[in-house]
């Protein structure tokens, strides 16, 4: 028996709420870890930080792809775009903490 469209919409709404809650939990977990690692004290451009996180995620997934620091880059982004690199524990430009 097929589900009526209203039941499917209710299920989609429920799943979207579950997804939002799961993403919030994941973001809070990663945020807490990042703060403990001292990332909250470093001034860094969001795109550069995203590229570095993409590189890190690739290491754990076993991928050797380059990060571009742009949302959706893994889906047809410019493969020749340079990946941002940040020295561990310091600004990329060599300056200390602010």
PDB file of N, CA and C in Angstrom:
ATOM      1  N   UNK A   1       0.845  -1.178   0.000  1.00  0.00           N
ATOM      2  CA  UNK A   1       0.000   0.000   0.000  1.00  0.00           C
ATOM      3  C   UNK A   1       0.891   1.242   0.000  1.00  0.00           C
ATOM      4  N   UNK A   2       0.560   2.186  -0.855  1.00  0.00           N
ATOM      5  CA  UNK A   2       1.362   3.403  -0.968  1.00  0.00           C
ATOM      6  C   UNK A   2       0.983   4.394   0.125  1.00  0.00           C
ATOM      7  N   UNK A   3       2.001   5.161   0.539  1.00  0.00           N
ATOM      8  CA  UNK A   3       1.773   6.180   1.554  1.00  0.00           C
ATOM      9  C   UNK A   3       1.171   7.422   0.905  1.00  0.00           C
ATOM     10  N   UNK A   4       0.247   8.064   1.602  1.00  0.00           N
ATOM     11  CA  UNK A   4      -0.255   9.341   1.080  1.00  0.00           C
ATOM     12  C   UNK A   4       0.828  10.416   1.199  1.00  0.00           C
ATOM     13  N   UNK A   5       0.766  11.413   0.341  1.00  0.00           N
ATOM     14  CA  UNK A   5       1.785  12.460   0.316  1.00  0.00           C
ATOM     15  C   UNK A   5       1.902  13.178   1.654  1.00  0.00           C
ATOM     16  N   UNK A   6       0.809  13.318   2.384  1.00  0.00           N
ATOM     17  CA  UNK A   6       0.876  13.993   3.681  1.00  0.00           C
ATOM     18  C   UNK A   6       1.748  13.209   4.662  1.00  0.00           C
ATOM     19  N   UNK A   7       1.667  11.881   4.627  1.00  0.00           N
ATOM     20  CA  UNK A   7       2.494  11.046   5.510  1.00  0.00           C
ATOM     21  C   UNK A   7       3.966  11.143   5.112  1.00  0.00           C
ATOM     22  N   UNK A   8       4.226  11.200   3.824  1.00  0.00           N
ATOM     23  CA  UNK A   8       5.605  11.336   3.348  1.00  0.00           C
ATOM     24  C   UNK A   8       6.169  12.682   3.777  1.00  0.00           C
ATOM     25  N   UNK A   9       5.376  13.745   3.664  1.00  0.00           N
ATOM     26  CA  UNK A   9       5.827  15.078   4.109  1.00  0.00           C
ATOM     27  C   UNK A   9       6.126  15.079   5.600  1.00  0.00           C
ATOM     28  N   UNK A  10       5.275  14.439   6.400  1.00  0.00           N
ATOM     29  CA  UNK A  10       5.506  14.348   7.841  1.00  0.00           C
ATOM     30  C   UNK A  10       6.816  13.615   8.132  1.00  0.00           C
ATOM     31  N   UNK A  11       7.054  12.533   7.388  1.00  0.00           N
ATOM     32  CA  UNK A  11       8.279  11.765   7.584  1.00  0.00           C
ATOM     33  C   UNK A  11       9.506  12.591   7.194  1.00  0.00           C
ATOM     34  N   UNK A  12       9.395  13.331   6.097  1.00  0.00           N
ATOM     35  CA  UNK A  12      10.506  14.195   5.670  1.00  0.00           C
ATOM     36  C   UNK A  12      10.787  15.246   6.731  1.00  0.00           C
ATOM     37  N   UNK A  13       9.758  15.861   7.271  1.00  0.00           N
ATOM     38  CA  UNK A  13       9.917  16.871   8.321  1.00  0.00           C
ATOM     39  C   UNK A  13      10.593  16.267   9.547  1.00  0.00           C
ATOM     40  N   UNK A  14      10.148  15.085   9.942  1.00  0.00           N
ATOM     41  CA  UNK A  14      10.734  14.401  11.095  1.00  0.00           C
ATOM     42  C   UNK A  14      12.208  14.078  10.843  1.00  0.00           C
ATOM     43  N   UNK A  15      12.527  13.606   9.648  1.00  0.00           N
ATOM     44  CA  UNK A  15      13.914  13.278   9.320  1.00  0.00           C
ATOM     45  C   UNK A  15      14.788  14.530   9.250  1.00  0.00           C
ATOM     46  N   UNK A  16      14.221  15.629   8.748  1.00  0.00           N
ATOM     47  CA  UNK A  16      14.976  16.884   8.711  1.00  0.00           C
ATOM     48  C   UNK A  16      15.303  17.360  10.114  1.00  0.00           C
ATOM     49  N   UNK A  17      14.357  17.200  11.035  1.00  0.00           N
ATOM     50  CA  UNK A  17      14.603  17.572  12.427  1.00  0.00           C
ATOM     51  C   UNK A  17      15.688  16.683  13.043  1.00  0.00           C
ATOM     52  N   UNK A  18      15.649  15.389  12.740  1.00  0.00           N
ATOM     53  CA  UNK A  18      16.679  14.472  13.241  1.00  0.00           C
ATOM     54  C   UNK A  18      18.047  14.836  12.672  1.00  0.00           C
ATOM     55  N   UNK A  19      18.086  15.198  11.380  1.00  0.00           N
ATOM     56  CA  UNK A  19      19.341  15.590  10.743  1.00  0.00           C
ATOM     57  C   UNK A  19      19.895  16.854  11.381  1.00  0.00           C
ATOM     58  N   UNK A  20      19.034  17.829  11.612  1.00  0.00           N
ATOM     59  CA  UNK A  20      19.473  19.077  12.246  1.00  0.00           C
ATOM     60  C   UNK A  20      20.036  18.804  13.641  1.00  0.00           C
ATOM     61  N   UNK A  21      19.369  17.950  14.410  1.00  0.00           N
ATOM     62  CA  UNK A  21      19.844  17.623  15.761  1.00  0.00           C
ATOM     63  C   UNK A  21      21.190  16.898  15.695  1.00  0.00           C
ATOM     64  N   UNK A  22      21.338  15.974  14.748  1.00  0.00           N
ATOM     65  CA  UNK A  22      22.595  15.239  14.617  1.00  0.00           C
ATOM     66  C   UNK A  22      23.729  16.177  14.204  1.00  0.00           C
ATOM     67  N   UNK A  23      23.449  17.096  13.268  1.00  0.00           N
ATOM     68  CA  UNK A  23      24.469  18.052  12.837  1.00  0.00           C
ATOM     69  C   UNK A  23      24.875  18.977  13.981  1.00  0.00           C
ATOM     70  N   UNK A  24      23.905  19.365  14.796  1.00  0.00           N
ATOM     71  CA  UNK A  24      24.199  20.220  15.945  1.00  0.00           C
ATOM     72  C   UNK A  24      25.104  19.495  16.931  1.00  0.00           C
ATOM     73  N   UNK A  25      24.791  18.233  17.218  1.00  0.00           N
ATOM     74  CA  UNK A  25      25.644  17.442  18.125  1.00  0.00           C
ATOM     75  C   UNK A  25      27.064  17.324  17.578  1.00  0.00           C
ATOM     76  N   UNK A  26      27.165  17.035  16.274  1.00  0.00           N
ATOM     77  CA  UNK A  26      28.488  16.891  15.657  1.00  0.00           C
ATOM     78  C   UNK A  26      29.262  18.208  15.696  1.00  0.00           C
ATOM     79  N   UNK A  27      28.581  19.311  15.399  1.00  0.00           N
ATOM     80  CA  UNK A  27      29.236  20.622  15.397  1.00  0.00           C
ATOM     81  C   UNK A  27      29.713  20.994  16.796  1.00  0.00           C
ATOM     82  N   UNK A  28      28.887  20.716  17.804  1.00  0.00           N
ATOM     83  CA  UNK A  28      29.285  21.013  19.176  1.00  0.00           C
ATOM     84  C   UNK A  28      30.486  20.171  19.586  1.00  0.00           C
ATOM     85  N   UNK A  29      30.496  18.909  19.216  1.00  0.00           N
ATOM     86  CA  UNK A  29      31.621  18.025  19.545  1.00  0.00           C
ATOM     87  C   UNK A  29      32.904  18.526  18.893  1.00  0.00           C
ATOM     88  N   UNK A  30      32.845  18.802  17.607  1.00  0.00           N
ATOM     89  CA  UNK A  30      34.036  19.262  16.892  1.00  0.00           C
ATOM     90  C   UNK A  30      34.463  20.634  17.406  1.00  0.00           C
ATOM     91  N   UNK A  31      33.497  21.490  17.709  1.00  0.00           N
ATOM     92  CA  UNK A  31      33.810  22.808  18.250  1.00  0.00           C
ATOM     93  C   UNK A  31      34.526  22.729  19.582  1.00  0.00           C
ATOM     94  N   UNK A  32      34.055  21.848  20.459  1.00  0.00           N
ATOM     95  CA  UNK A  32      34.722  21.676  21.761  1.00  0.00           C
ATOM     96  C   UNK A  32      36.155  21.200  21.577  1.00  0.00           C
ATOM     97  N   UNK A  33      36.349  20.249  20.676  1.00  0.00           N
ATOM     98  CA  UNK A  33      37.702  19.732  20.421  1.00  0.00           C
ATOM     99  C   UNK A  33      38.584  20.836  19.836  1.00  0.00           C
ATOM    100  N   UNK A  34      38.050  21.608  18.905  1.00  0.00           N
ATOM    101  CA  UNK A  34      38.822  22.699  18.292  1.00  0.00           C
ATOM    102  C   UNK A  34      39.218  23.738  19.331  1.00  0.00           C
ATOM    103  N   UNK A  35      38.320  24.052  20.245  1.00  0.00           N
ATOM    104  CA  UNK A  35      38.637  25.017  21.298  1.00  0.00           C
ATOM    105  C   UNK A  35      39.717  24.473  22.230  1.00  0.00           C
ATOM    106  N   UNK A  36      39.630  23.203  22.575  1.00  0.00           N
ATOM    107  CA  UNK A  36      40.663  22.604  23.431  1.00  0.00           C
ATOM    108  C   UNK A  36      42.020  22.612  22.741  1.00  0.00           C
ATOM    109  N   UNK A  37      42.010  22.504  21.420  1.00  0.00           N
ATOM    110  CA  UNK A  37      43.260  22.514  20.659  1.00  0.00           C
ATOM    111  C   UNK A  37      43.794  23.930  20.456  1.00  0.00           C
ATOM    112  N   UNK A  38      43.022  24.947  20.866  1.00  0.00           N
ATOM    113  CA  UNK A  38      43.485  26.324  20.774  1.00  0.00           C
ATOM    114  C   UNK A  38      43.066  27.054  19.513  1.00  0.00           C
ATOM    115  N   UNK A  39      42.184  26.473  18.704  1.00  0.00           N
ATOM    116  CA  UNK A  39      41.783  27.139  17.463  1.00  0.00           C
ATOM    117  C   UNK A  39      40.947  28.396  17.701  1.00  0.00           C
ATOM    118  N   UNK A  40      40.341  28.499  18.850  1.00  0.00           N
ATOM    119  CA  UNK A  40      39.537  29.683  19.151  1.00  0.00           C
ATOM    120  C   UNK A  40      40.382  30.929  19.327  1.00  0.00           C
ATOM    121  N   UNK A  41      41.656  30.751  19.604  1.00  0.00           N
ATOM    122  CA  UNK A  41      42.559  31.874  19.852  1.00  0.00           C
ATOM    123  C   UNK A  41      43.308  32.313  18.601  1.00  0.00           C
ATOM    124  N   UNK A  42      43.142  31.601  17.513  1.00  0.00           N
ATOM    125  CA  UNK A  42      43.872  31.901  16.283  1.00  0.00           C
ATOM    126  C   UNK A  42      42.960  32.656  15.326  1.00  0.00           C
ATOM    127  N   UNK A  43      43.451  33.773  14.809  1.00  0.00           N
ATOM    128  CA  UNK A  43      42.703  34.503  13.797  1.00  0.00           C
ATOM    129  C   UNK A  43      43.075  33.927  12.447  1.00  0.00           C
ATOM    130  N   UNK A  44      42.088  33.318  11.779  1.00  0.00           N
ATOM    131  CA  UNK A  44      42.318  32.681  10.486  1.00  0.00           C
ATOM    132  C   UNK A  44      41.075  32.840   9.635  1.00  0.00           C
ATOM    133  N   UNK A  45      41.277  33.043   8.357  1.00  0.00           N
ATOM    134  CA  UNK A  45      40.160  33.196   7.427  1.00  0.00           C
ATOM    135  C   UNK A  45      39.363  31.893   7.384  1.00  0.00           C
ATOM    136  N   UNK A  46      38.050  32.015   7.319  1.00  0.00           N
ATOM    137  CA  UNK A  46      37.193  30.837   7.355  1.00  0.00           C
ATOM    138  C   UNK A  46      37.495  29.879   6.203  1.00  0.00           C
ATOM    139  N   UNK A  47      37.737  30.395   5.020  1.00  0.00           N
ATOM    140  CA  UNK A  47      38.039  29.540   3.873  1.00  0.00           C
ATOM    141  C   UNK A  47      39.324  28.757   4.066  1.00  0.00           C
ATOM    142  N   UNK A  48      40.313  29.388   4.661  1.00  0.00           N
ATOM    143  CA  UNK A  48      41.586  28.725   4.925  1.00  0.00           C
ATOM    144  C   UNK A  48      41.407  27.622   5.974  1.00  0.00           C
ATOM    145  N   UNK A  49      40.612  27.918   6.999  1.00  0.00           N
ATOM    146  CA  UNK A  49      40.341  26.923   8.030  1.00  0.00           C
ATOM    147  C   UNK A  49      39.550  25.757   7.448  1.00  0.00           C
ATOM    148  N   UNK A  50      38.574  26.060   6.596  1.00  0.00           N
ATOM    149  CA  UNK A  50      37.789  25.010   5.952  1.00  0.00           C
ATOM    150  C   UNK A  50      38.689  24.118   5.105  1.00  0.00           C
ATOM    151  N   UNK A  51      39.595  24.709   4.341  1.00  0.00           N
ATOM    152  CA  UNK A  51      40.506  23.922   3.508  1.00  0.00           C
ATOM    153  C   UNK A  51      41.370  23.003   4.364  1.00  0.00           C
ATOM    154  N   UNK A  52      41.821  23.513   5.486  1.00  0.00           N
ATOM    155  CA  UNK A  52      42.651  22.705   6.385  1.00  0.00           C
ATOM    156  C   UNK A  52      41.840  21.556   6.973  1.00  0.00           C
ATOM    157  N   UNK A  53      40.589  21.832   7.365  1.00  0.00           N
ATOM    158  CA  UNK A  53      39.719  20.769   7.869  1.00  0.00           C
ATOM    159  C   UNK A  53      39.444  19.732   6.781  1.00  0.00           C
ATOM    160  N   UNK A  54      39.268  20.181   5.530  1.00  0.00           N
ATOM    161  CA  UNK A  54      39.045  19.244   4.427  1.00  0.00           C
ATOM    162  C   UNK A  54      40.262  18.341   4.243  1.00  0.00           C
ATOM    163  N   UNK A  55      41.461  18.920   4.336  1.00  0.00           N
ATOM    164  CA  UNK A  55      42.685  18.125   4.248  1.00  0.00           C
ATOM    165  C   UNK A  55      42.724  17.081   5.367  1.00  0.00           C
ATOM    166  N   UNK A  56      42.389  17.516   6.575  1.00  0.00           N
ATOM    167  CA  UNK A  56      42.393  16.623   7.727  1.00  0.00           C
ATOM    168  C   UNK A  56      41.377  15.502   7.535  1.00  0.00           C
ATOM    169  N   UNK A  57      40.184  15.847   7.085  1.00  0.00           N
ATOM    170  CA  UNK A  57      39.154  14.834   6.857  1.00  0.00           C
ATOM    171  C   UNK A  57      39.619  13.848   5.790  1.00  0.00           C
ATOM    172  N   UNK A  58      40.278  14.341   4.755  1.00  0.00           N
ATOM    173  CA  UNK A  58      40.797  13.473   3.713  1.00  0.00           C
ATOM    174  C   UNK A  58      41.829  12.494   4.238  1.00  0.00           C
ATOM    175  N   UNK A  59      42.664  12.956   5.166  1.00  0.00           N
ATOM    176  CA  UNK A  59      43.663  12.063   5.768  1.00  0.00           C
ATOM    177  C   UNK A  59      42.988  10.898   6.479  1.00  0.00           C
ATOM    178  N   UNK A  60      41.913  11.177   7.207  1.00  0.00           N
ATOM    179  CA  UNK A  60      41.231  10.133   7.954  1.00  0.00           C
ATOM    180  C   UNK A  60      40.404   9.231   7.047  1.00  0.00           C
ATOM    181  N   UNK A  61      39.972   9.763   5.899  1.00  0.00           N
ATOM    182  CA  UNK A  61      39.226   8.947   4.943  1.00  0.00           C
ATOM    183  C   UNK A  61      40.149   8.204   3.984  1.00  0.00           C
ATOM    184  N   UNK A  62      41.437   8.544   4.005  1.00  0.00           N
ATOM    185  CA  UNK A  62      42.385   7.892   3.124  1.00  0.00           C
ATOM    186  C   UNK A  62      42.431   8.518   1.745  1.00  0.00           C
ATOM    187  N   UNK A  63      41.831   9.713   1.586  1.00  0.00           N
ATOM    188  CA  UNK A  63      41.842  10.396   0.301  1.00  0.00           C
ATOM    189  C   UNK A  63      43.105  11.237   0.192  1.00  0.00           C
ATOM    190  N   UNK A  64      43.546  11.434  -1.021  1.00  0.00           N
ATOM    191  CA  UNK A  64      44.713  12.282  -1.249  1.00  0.00           C
ATOM    192  C   UNK A  64      44.306  13.529  -2.013  1.00  0.00           C
ATOM    193  N   UNK A  65      43.006  13.833  -2.056  1.00  0.00           N
ATOM    194  CA  UNK A  65      42.526  14.992  -2.792  1.00  0.00           C
ATOM    195  C   UNK A  65      42.900  16.292  -2.122  1.00  0.00           C
ATOM    196  N   UNK A  66      43.016  17.332  -2.927  1.00  0.00           N
ATOM    197  CA  UNK A  66      43.359  18.649  -2.400  1.00  0.00           C
ATOM    198  C   UNK A  66      42.097  19.367  -1.936  1.00  0.00           C
ATOM    199  N   UNK A  67      42.230  20.118  -0.876  1.00  0.00           N
ATOM    200  CA  UNK A  67      41.140  20.953  -0.385  1.00  0.00           C
ATOM    201  C   UNK A  67      41.220  22.302  -1.064  1.00  0.00           C
ATOM    202  N   UNK A  68      40.064  22.907  -1.296  1.00  0.00           N
ATOM    203  CA  UNK A  68      40.040  24.212  -1.941  1.00  0.00           C
ATOM    204  C   UNK A  68      39.533  25.297  -1.026  1.00  0.00           C
ATOM    205  N   UNK A  69      38.932  24.915   0.101  1.00  0.00           N
ATOM    206  CA  UNK A  69      38.392  25.909   1.016  1.00  0.00           C
ATOM    207  C   UNK A  69      37.059  26.459   0.567  1.00  0.00           C
ATOM    208  N   UNK A  70      36.462  25.814  -0.431  1.00  0.00           N
ATOM    209  CA  UNK A  70      35.169  26.271  -0.918  1.00  0.00           C
ATOM    210  C   UNK A  70      34.137  25.180  -0.731  1.00  0.00           C
ATOM    211  N   UNK A  71      32.925  25.588  -0.334  1.00  0.00           N
ATOM    212  CA  UNK A  71      31.837  24.662  -0.127  1.00  0.00           C
ATOM    213  C   UNK A  71      31.495  23.999  -1.463  1.00  0.00           C
ATOM    214  N   UNK A  72      31.304  22.693  -1.448  1.00  0.00           N
ATOM    215  CA  UNK A  72      30.942  21.965  -2.647  1.00  0.00           C
ATOM    216  C   UNK A  72      32.104  21.712  -3.581  1.00  0.00           C
ATOM    217  N   UNK A  73      33.315  21.975  -3.155  1.00  0.00           N
ATOM    218  CA  UNK A  73      34.479  21.811  -4.015  1.00  0.00           C
ATOM    219  C   UNK A  73      34.669  20.365  -4.425  1.00  0.00           C
ATOM    220  N   UNK A  74      34.235  19.425  -3.564  1.00  0.00           N
ATOM    221  CA  UNK A  74      34.422  18.028  -3.898  1.00  0.00           C
ATOM    222  C   UNK A  74      33.512  17.598  -5.034  1.00  0.00           C
ATOM    223  N   UNK A  75      32.521  18.408  -5.348  1.00  0.00           N
ATOM    224  CA  UNK A  75      31.600  18.082  -6.423  1.00  0.00           C
ATOM    225  C   UNK A  75      31.887  18.957  -7.636  1.00  0.00           C
ATOM    226  N   UNK A  76      33.034  18.779  -8.234  1.00  0.00           N
ATOM    227  CA  UNK A  76      33.353  19.487  -9.458  1.00  0.00           C
ATOM    228  C   UNK A  76      34.067  20.793  -9.269  1.00  0.00           C
ATOM    229  N   UNK A  77      34.724  20.982  -8.144  1.00  0.00           N
ATOM    230  CA  UNK A  77      35.489  22.200  -7.914  1.00  0.00           C
ATOM    231  C   UNK A  77      36.724  22.229  -8.789  1.00  0.00           C
ATOM    232  N   UNK A  78      37.423  23.338  -8.801  1.00  0.00           N
ATOM    233  CA  UNK A  78      38.622  23.491  -9.600  1.00  0.00           C
ATOM    234  C   UNK A  78      39.757  22.701  -8.969  1.00  0.00           C
ATOM    235  N   UNK A  79      40.180  21.588  -9.615  1.00  0.00           N
ATOM    236  CA  UNK A  79      41.229  20.766  -9.007  1.00  0.00           C
ATOM    237  C   UNK A  79      42.582  21.443  -8.988  1.00  0.00           C
ATOM    238  N   UNK A  80      42.754  22.518  -9.765  1.00  0.00           N
ATOM    239  CA  UNK A  80      44.045  23.200  -9.784  1.00  0.00           C
ATOM    240  C   UNK A  80      44.135  24.286  -8.728  1.00  0.00           C
ATOM    241  N   UNK A  81      43.044  24.520  -7.991  1.00  0.00           N
ATOM    242  CA  UNK A  81      43.064  25.545  -6.947  1.00  0.00           C
ATOM    243  C   UNK A  81      44.023  25.123  -5.849  1.00  0.00           C
ATOM    244  N   UNK A  82      44.846  26.053  -5.363  1.00  0.00           N
ATOM    245  CA  UNK A  82      45.819  25.686  -4.325  1.00  0.00           C
ATOM    246  C   UNK A  82      45.136  25.391  -3.001  1.00  0.00           C
ATOM    247  N   UNK A  83      45.650  24.417  -2.303  1.00  0.00           N
ATOM    248  CA  UNK A  83      45.132  24.080  -0.974  1.00  0.00           C
ATOM    249  C   UNK A  83      45.805  24.988   0.043  1.00  0.00           C
ATOM    250  N   UNK A  84      45.026  25.437   1.002  1.00  0.00           N
ATOM    251  CA  UNK A  84      45.576  26.294   2.056  1.00  0.00           C
ATOM    252  C   UNK A  84      46.310  25.431   3.072  1.00  0.00           C
ATOM    253  N   UNK A  85      47.434  25.874   3.514  1.00  0.00           N
ATOM    254  CA  UNK A  85      48.207  25.155   4.522  1.00  0.00           C
ATOM    255  C   UNK A  85      48.431  26.072   5.710  1.00  0.00           C
ATOM    256  N   UNK A  86      48.268  25.549   6.908  1.00  0.00           N
ATOM    257  CA  UNK A  86      48.481  26.316   8.125  1.00  0.00           C
ATOM    258  C   UNK A  86      49.465  25.554   8.986  1.00  0.00           C
ATOM    259  N   UNK A  87      50.498  26.240   9.422  1.00  0.00           N
ATOM    260  CA  UNK A  87      51.483  25.610  10.295  1.00  0.00           C
ATOM    261  C   UNK A  87      50.815  25.275  11.615  1.00  0.00           C
ATOM    262  N   UNK A  88      51.124  24.137  12.163  1.00  0.00           N
ATOM    263  CA  UNK A  88      50.525  23.688  13.409  1.00  0.00           C
ATOM    264  C   UNK A  88      50.888  24.615  14.540  1.00  0.00           C
ATOM    265  N   UNK A  89      49.860  25.140  15.230  1.00  0.00           N
ATOM    266  CA  UNK A  89      50.073  25.962  16.404  1.00  0.00           C
ATOM    267  C   UNK A  89      50.502  27.385  16.129  1.00  0.00           C
ATOM    268  N   UNK A  90      50.483  27.829  14.894  1.00  0.00           N
ATOM    269  CA  UNK A  90      50.881  29.206  14.582  1.00  0.00           C
ATOM    270  C   UNK A  90      50.104  29.679  13.371  1.00  0.00           C
ATOM    271  N   UNK A  91      50.084  30.988  13.180  1.00  0.00           N
ATOM    272  CA  UNK A  91      49.463  31.556  11.999  1.00  0.00           C
ATOM    273  C   UNK A  91      50.279  31.162  10.778  1.00  0.00           C
ATOM    274  N   UNK A  92      49.625  31.133   9.644  1.00  0.00           N
ATOM    275  CA  UNK A  92      50.324  30.798   8.415  1.00  0.00           C
ATOM    276  C   UNK A  92      51.403  31.834   8.098  1.00  0.00           C
ATOM    277  N   UNK A  93      51.185  33.083   8.529  1.00  0.00           N
ATOM    278  CA  UNK A  93      52.175  34.117   8.234  1.00  0.00           C
ATOM    279  C   UNK A  93      53.297  34.152   9.261  1.00  0.00           C
ATOM    280  N   UNK A  94      53.279  33.244  10.203  1.00  0.00           N
ATOM    281  CA  UNK A  94      54.366  33.138  11.184  1.00  0.00           C
ATOM    282  C   UNK A  94      54.144  33.950  12.436  1.00  0.00           C
ATOM    283  N   UNK A  95      53.073  34.746  12.494  1.00  0.00           N
ATOM    284  CA  UNK A  95      52.820  35.565  13.692  1.00  0.00           C
ATOM    285  C   UNK A  95      52.311  34.669  14.812  1.00  0.00           C
ATOM    286  N   UNK A  96      52.563  35.068  16.028  1.00  0.00           N
ATOM    287  CA  UNK A  96      52.099  34.309  17.191  1.00  0.00           C
ATOM    288  C   UNK A  96      50.640  34.592  17.473  1.00  0.00           C
ATOM    289  N   UNK A  97      50.160  34.132  18.604  1.00  0.00           N
ATOM    290  CA  UNK A  97      48.779  34.362  18.995  1.00  0.00           C
ATOM    291  C   UNK A  97      48.548  35.832  19.271  1.00  0.00           C
ATOM    292  N   UNK A  98      47.288  36.252  19.022  1.00  0.00           N
ATOM    293  CA  UNK A  98      46.909  37.642  19.253  1.00  0.00           C
ATOM    294  C   UNK A  98      46.273  37.798  20.598  1.00  0.00           C
TER     295      UNK A  98
END
